[in-house]
Amino acid sequence: MGEIATLPEVTAKIIEVVEDPNGTSRELHNVIKHDPALSAKVLRVVNSAFYGLPGQIASVERAVILLGLSAVKNLAVAVSLTQMFSGRRDPDLFDASDLWKHCLAVAVAGKKLAQIAGNRTAADEIFLAGLIHDLGLIVARQTHTSQLAEVCRKCSDGEGGFLQSEQDIIGATHQDFGYALTAKWRFPDTLRACVSGHHNPQTVAEAFQPTVWILRCADLLCCQEGLGFDLQTKGEEITDDMLETIGVSADDLARTRDGLEGEIEEAEAVLGSAH
């Protein structure tokens, strides 16, 4: 894990403040104001159509109050991560910017599904979980390049499932790598569960399963729609049992699918694209 980019200090501090039960918007503002680039991004977001707030917000302190601690945490992590989803295109591997598009799509779809299911408290958490759920692929891309290329070739040719191919060829999966990275970064337990179990939510602690199942459905939906890198769940379907588990109907799923591309473009305009 030492070979992977470290999480910027300001992002680590923001996560610390947000996860502290006694953390306040003033404390968060005091962290953000020392990072001019992040301050500018927060103001850009709060004034964007993505949040749809009335009037122009001129101060970071006011922006933090309006967006809320959780939303600003998501923003800080997203800004930090875009730099990781970059790098030269490898003909034998996925393009990292395609993976960023996929993660952004899962974030948007997951939040939408959570809101439809009436799980509004989890919606912001799921948005961030979507952004980071495939971080392990970035790790594998840097540390096991040729083996991951073989996994991609095998799955592209329909010779096996992605997770099992990773286990067979690399000896670990992107869920394992992602969990190790988020543990190193001291991410909250819910996010670690999302990263380590988004392909098999039944394996995570029961308390986290409702969130991880929503993420699982969002992941499958975005892969089916071909939004960014989509080999991870090739050939897998969203079942009626999954929809029942997360409290969403087939019609709700269809509504989530409709307009998804436009919402992803809005999110990308706000959070930025990976290059």
Protein backbone atom coordinates (compact mmCIF):
# COMPACT_ATOMS: atom_id res chain seq x y z
CA MET A 1 0.00 0.00 0.00
CA GLY A 2 3.03 2.27 0.40
CA GLU A 3 3.21 2.62 -3.39
CA ILE A 4 -0.21 4.27 -3.59
CA ALA A 5 -0.80 8.03 -3.36
CA THR A 6 -1.51 9.14 0.18
CA LEU A 7 -4.72 10.91 1.07
CA PRO A 8 -4.09 14.68 1.30
CA GLU A 9 -3.76 15.92 4.88
CA VAL A 10 -6.70 18.32 4.52
CA THR A 11 -9.00 15.47 3.43
CA ALA A 12 -7.93 13.31 6.36
CA LYS A 13 -8.65 16.19 8.74
CA ILE A 14 -12.10 16.77 7.18
CA ILE A 15 -13.01 13.10 7.61
CA GLU A 16 -11.81 13.30 11.23
CA VAL A 17 -14.04 16.33 11.96
CA VAL A 18 -17.09 14.84 10.24
CA GLU A 19 -16.77 11.47 11.99
CA ASP A 20 -16.37 13.14 15.40
CA PRO A 21 -19.86 13.20 17.03
CA ASN A 22 -18.95 16.62 18.45
CA GLY A 23 -17.58 18.00 15.15
CA THR A 24 -19.04 21.34 14.08
CA SER A 25 -19.39 23.29 10.85
CA ARG A 26 -17.06 25.94 12.31
CA GLU A 27 -14.32 23.35 12.82
CA LEU A 28 -14.83 22.12 9.27
CA HIS A 29 -14.64 25.66 7.94
CA ASN A 30 -11.38 26.21 9.84
CA VAL A 31 -9.88 23.17 8.07
CA ILE A 32 -11.13 24.09 4.59
CA LYS A 33 -10.16 27.77 4.68
CA HIS A 34 -6.46 26.81 4.76
CA ASP A 35 -6.80 25.08 1.36
CA PRO A 36 -7.62 27.73 -1.27
CA ALA A 37 -8.26 25.19 -4.05
CA LEU A 38 -10.72 23.24 -1.93
CA SER A 39 -12.39 26.45 -0.72
CA ALA A 40 -12.97 27.51 -4.33
CA LYS A 41 -14.34 24.06 -5.20
CA VAL A 42 -16.78 24.11 -2.26
CA LEU A 43 -18.12 27.52 -3.36
CA ARG A 44 -18.40 26.33 -6.95
CA VAL A 45 -20.39 23.30 -5.86
CA VAL A 46 -22.73 25.11 -3.51
CA ASN A 47 -23.56 27.59 -6.29
CA SER A 48 -24.05 24.91 -8.96
CA ALA A 49 -27.25 23.48 -10.39
CA PHE A 50 -26.23 20.17 -8.79
CA TYR A 51 -27.42 21.47 -5.41
CA GLY A 52 -30.04 23.91 -6.68
CA LEU A 53 -29.78 26.36 -3.78
CA PRO A 54 -31.28 29.83 -4.25
CA GLY A 55 -28.96 32.81 -4.60
CA GLN A 56 -25.20 33.04 -4.71
CA ILE A 57 -23.24 31.90 -1.66
CA ALA A 58 -20.06 33.93 -1.20
CA SER A 59 -18.47 32.48 1.97
CA VAL A 60 -17.10 29.01 2.66
CA GLU A 61 -18.53 29.11 6.19
CA ARG A 62 -22.04 29.67 4.81
CA ALA A 63 -21.44 26.97 2.18
CA VAL A 64 -20.48 24.44 4.85
CA ILE A 65 -23.64 25.24 6.83
CA LEU A 66 -25.85 24.91 3.74
CA LEU A 67 -24.23 21.76 2.31
CA GLY A 68 -23.82 20.01 5.64
CA LEU A 69 -20.83 18.19 7.09
CA SER A 70 -21.44 14.95 5.19
CA ALA A 71 -21.75 16.58 1.77
CA VAL A 72 -18.54 18.57 2.27
CA LYS A 73 -16.74 15.40 3.32
CA ASN A 74 -17.89 13.73 0.09
CA LEU A 75 -16.69 16.71 -1.90
CA ALA A 76 -13.27 16.79 -0.26
CA VAL A 77 -12.71 13.08 -0.86
CA ALA A 78 -13.92 13.34 -4.47
CA VAL A 79 -11.56 16.24 -5.20
CA SER A 80 -8.69 14.27 -3.65
CA LEU A 81 -9.46 11.13 -5.62
CA THR A 82 -9.74 12.54 -9.13
CA GLN A 83 -5.94 12.77 -9.32
CA MET A 84 -5.69 9.02 -8.64
CA PHE A 85 -7.95 8.21 -11.59
CA SER A 86 -5.41 9.47 -14.10
CA GLY A 87 -2.47 8.11 -16.01
CA ARG A 88 -1.52 7.03 -19.49
CA ARG A 89 -3.83 4.74 -21.39
CA ASP A 90 -2.67 1.13 -21.47
CA PRO A 91 -3.93 -0.86 -24.49
CA ASP A 92 -4.13 -4.01 -22.35
CA LEU A 93 -5.94 -2.35 -19.45
CA PHE A 94 -8.92 -0.16 -18.72
CA ASP A 95 -8.53 3.59 -19.00
CA ALA A 96 -8.48 5.05 -15.47
CA SER A 97 -10.80 7.87 -16.61
CA ASP A 98 -13.32 5.19 -17.68
CA LEU A 99 -13.14 3.80 -14.15
CA TRP A 100 -13.74 7.30 -12.74
CA LYS A 101 -16.83 7.65 -14.94
CA HIS A 102 -18.08 4.30 -13.66
CA CYS A 103 -17.50 5.27 -10.02
CA LEU A 104 -19.20 8.62 -10.52
CA ALA A 105 -22.15 6.85 -12.17
CA VAL A 106 -22.46 4.39 -9.27
CA ALA A 107 -22.31 7.30 -6.81
CA VAL A 108 -25.16 9.12 -8.57
CA ALA A 109 -27.28 5.98 -9.09
CA GLY A 110 -26.69 4.80 -5.53
CA LYS A 111 -27.77 8.12 -4.04
CA LYS A 112 -30.87 8.12 -6.24
CA LEU A 113 -31.81 4.57 -5.20
CA ALA A 114 -31.28 5.40 -1.52
CA GLN A 115 -33.57 8.42 -1.81
CA ILE A 116 -36.26 6.42 -3.61
CA ALA A 117 -36.01 3.74 -0.91
CA GLY A 118 -36.56 6.44 1.71
CA ASN A 119 -33.08 5.91 3.14
CA ARG A 120 -32.12 9.59 2.99
CA THR A 121 -29.66 9.39 5.86
CA ALA A 122 -27.62 6.86 3.85
CA ALA A 123 -27.88 8.76 0.54
CA ASP A 124 -24.81 10.97 1.08
CA GLU A 125 -22.81 8.03 2.48
CA ILE A 126 -23.71 5.94 -0.56
CA PHE A 127 -22.66 8.74 -2.90
CA LEU A 128 -19.18 8.69 -1.38
CA ALA A 129 -19.19 4.87 -1.29
CA GLY A 130 -19.91 4.86 -5.02
CA LEU A 131 -16.96 7.14 -5.68
CA ILE A 132 -14.54 4.90 -3.79
CA HIS A 133 -15.99 1.38 -4.23
CA ASP A 134 -13.52 0.38 -6.97
CA LEU A 135 -10.42 2.05 -5.50
CA GLY A 136 -8.88 -1.41 -5.27
CA LEU A 137 -8.68 -1.50 -9.08
CA ILE A 138 -6.42 1.56 -8.96
CA VAL A 139 -4.20 -0.30 -6.48
CA ALA A 140 -4.12 -3.43 -8.66
CA ARG A 141 -3.44 -1.32 -11.76
CA GLN A 142 -0.31 0.08 -10.11
CA THR A 143 0.96 -3.00 -8.29
CA HIS A 144 -0.15 -5.97 -10.44
CA THR A 145 -0.38 -4.44 -13.91
CA SER A 146 0.19 -7.51 -16.07
CA GLN A 147 -1.96 -9.78 -13.92
CA LEU A 148 -4.85 -7.30 -13.95
CA ALA A 149 -4.53 -7.03 -17.73
CA GLU A 150 -4.90 -10.82 -17.88
CA VAL A 151 -8.01 -10.61 -15.65
CA CYS A 152 -9.53 -8.01 -17.99
CA ARG A 153 -8.72 -10.08 -21.09
CA LYS A 154 -10.21 -13.22 -19.56
CA CYS A 155 -13.45 -11.47 -18.53
CA SER A 156 -13.73 -9.60 -21.81
CA ASP A 157 -13.56 -12.95 -23.62
CA GLY A 158 -16.25 -14.39 -21.35
CA GLU A 159 -13.91 -16.87 -19.72
CA GLY A 160 -14.93 -16.20 -16.11
CA GLY A 161 -16.20 -13.76 -13.52
CA PHE A 162 -14.08 -10.75 -12.59
CA LEU A 163 -13.75 -11.40 -8.85
CA GLN A 164 -12.89 -15.08 -9.24
CA SER A 165 -10.41 -14.29 -12.02
CA GLU A 166 -8.69 -11.75 -9.76
CA GLN A 167 -8.46 -14.34 -7.01
CA ASP A 168 -7.08 -16.97 -9.38
CA ILE A 169 -4.57 -14.74 -11.20
CA ILE A 170 -3.55 -12.10 -8.63
CA GLY A 171 -4.27 -13.98 -5.41
CA ALA A 172 -6.49 -11.19 -4.05
CA THR A 173 -9.40 -9.09 -5.32
CA HIS A 174 -9.90 -5.37 -5.80
CA GLN A 175 -12.24 -5.57 -2.79
CA ASP A 176 -9.27 -6.75 -0.67
CA PHE A 177 -6.97 -4.02 -1.99
CA GLY A 178 -9.63 -1.35 -1.56
CA TYR A 179 -10.31 -2.40 2.02
CA ALA A 180 -6.59 -2.24 2.87
CA LEU A 181 -6.35 1.27 1.40
CA THR A 182 -9.44 2.62 3.16
CA ALA A 183 -8.28 1.06 6.43
CA LYS A 184 -4.91 2.80 6.00
CA TRP A 185 -6.76 6.08 5.40
CA ARG A 186 -8.96 5.46 8.48
CA PHE A 187 -12.19 5.75 6.57
CA PRO A 188 -15.43 5.06 8.52
CA ASP A 189 -16.47 1.42 8.94
CA THR A 190 -19.50 1.82 6.65
CA LEU A 191 -17.30 2.91 3.76
CA ARG A 192 -14.81 0.11 4.41
CA ALA A 193 -17.70 -2.36 4.27
CA CYS A 194 -18.88 -0.89 0.97
CA VAL A 195 -15.41 -1.21 -0.55
CA SER A 196 -14.81 -4.73 0.77
CA GLY A 197 -18.25 -6.20 0.01
CA HIS A 198 -19.90 -4.43 -2.92
CA HIS A 199 -19.86 -7.66 -4.96
CA ASN A 200 -21.09 -9.80 -2.05
CA PRO A 201 -22.99 -7.68 0.51
CA GLN A 202 -24.04 -10.80 2.42
CA THR A 203 -20.43 -11.11 3.67
CA VAL A 204 -20.32 -7.77 5.52
CA ALA A 205 -21.59 -7.08 9.04
CA GLU A 206 -25.38 -7.01 9.21
CA ALA A 207 -25.47 -3.35 10.27
CA PHE A 208 -23.86 -2.31 6.97
CA GLN A 209 -25.79 -4.60 4.62
CA PRO A 210 -28.66 -2.20 3.73
CA THR A 211 -26.14 0.38 2.47
CA VAL A 212 -23.95 -2.17 0.67
CA TRP A 213 -26.96 -3.79 -1.07
CA ILE A 214 -27.99 -0.41 -2.51
CA LEU A 215 -24.43 0.08 -3.72
CA ARG A 216 -24.47 -3.41 -5.25
CA CYS A 217 -27.64 -2.62 -7.23
CA ALA A 218 -26.21 0.73 -8.37
CA ASP A 219 -23.00 -1.00 -9.49
CA LEU A 220 -24.92 -3.61 -11.50
CA LEU A 221 -27.17 -0.95 -13.05
CA CYS A 222 -24.23 1.19 -14.21
CA CYS A 223 -22.35 -1.79 -15.62
CA GLN A 224 -25.48 -2.90 -17.51
CA GLU A 225 -25.77 0.62 -18.94
CA GLY A 226 -22.10 0.56 -20.02
CA LEU A 227 -21.29 3.67 -17.99
CA GLY A 228 -17.50 3.70 -17.86
CA PHE A 229 -15.49 0.55 -17.11
CA ASP A 230 -18.04 -2.27 -16.89
CA LEU A 231 -16.28 -5.66 -16.81
CA GLN A 232 -16.61 -6.06 -13.02
CA THR A 233 -20.16 -7.46 -13.12
CA LYS A 234 -20.37 -8.70 -16.70
CA GLY A 235 -23.25 -11.13 -17.17
CA GLU A 236 -24.77 -10.42 -13.73
CA GLU A 237 -28.31 -9.10 -13.29
CA ILE A 238 -30.31 -7.21 -10.69
CA THR A 239 -32.76 -9.73 -9.27
CA ASP A 240 -36.23 -9.18 -7.79
CA ASP A 241 -34.83 -10.33 -4.44
CA MET A 242 -32.22 -7.56 -4.54
CA LEU A 243 -34.87 -4.93 -5.26
CA GLU A 244 -37.00 -6.26 -2.42
CA THR A 245 -34.00 -6.15 -0.08
CA ILE A 246 -33.35 -2.46 -0.76
CA GLY A 247 -37.04 -1.51 -0.87
CA VAL A 248 -37.19 -0.45 -4.52
CA SER A 249 -39.62 -1.59 -7.24
CA ALA A 250 -38.86 -2.43 -10.87
CA ASP A 251 -40.55 0.86 -11.83
CA ASP A 252 -38.32 2.73 -9.37
CA LEU A 253 -35.29 1.09 -10.97
CA ALA A 254 -36.50 2.17 -14.42
CA ARG A 255 -36.90 5.74 -13.13
CA THR A 256 -33.37 5.63 -11.75
CA ARG A 257 -32.11 4.47 -15.13
CA ASP A 258 -33.92 7.29 -16.94
CA GLY A 259 -31.96 10.50 -16.96
CA LEU A 260 -28.94 8.91 -15.29
CA GLU A 261 -26.50 10.07 -17.97
CA GLY A 262 -27.58 13.68 -17.53
CA GLU A 263 -27.21 13.52 -13.76
CA ILE A 264 -23.76 11.99 -14.12
CA GLU A 265 -22.74 14.83 -16.43
CA GLU A 266 -23.94 17.32 -13.82
CA ALA A 267 -21.92 15.58 -11.11
CA GLU A 268 -18.85 15.46 -13.36
CA ALA A 269 -19.20 19.17 -14.12
CA VAL A 270 -19.11 19.86 -10.39
CA LEU A 271 -16.57 17.32 -9.16
CA GLY A 272 -14.38 17.31 -12.25
CA SER A 273 -13.28 14.58 -14.60
CA ALA A 274 -10.15 12.47 -14.37
CA HIS A 275 -7.49 13.04 -17.02
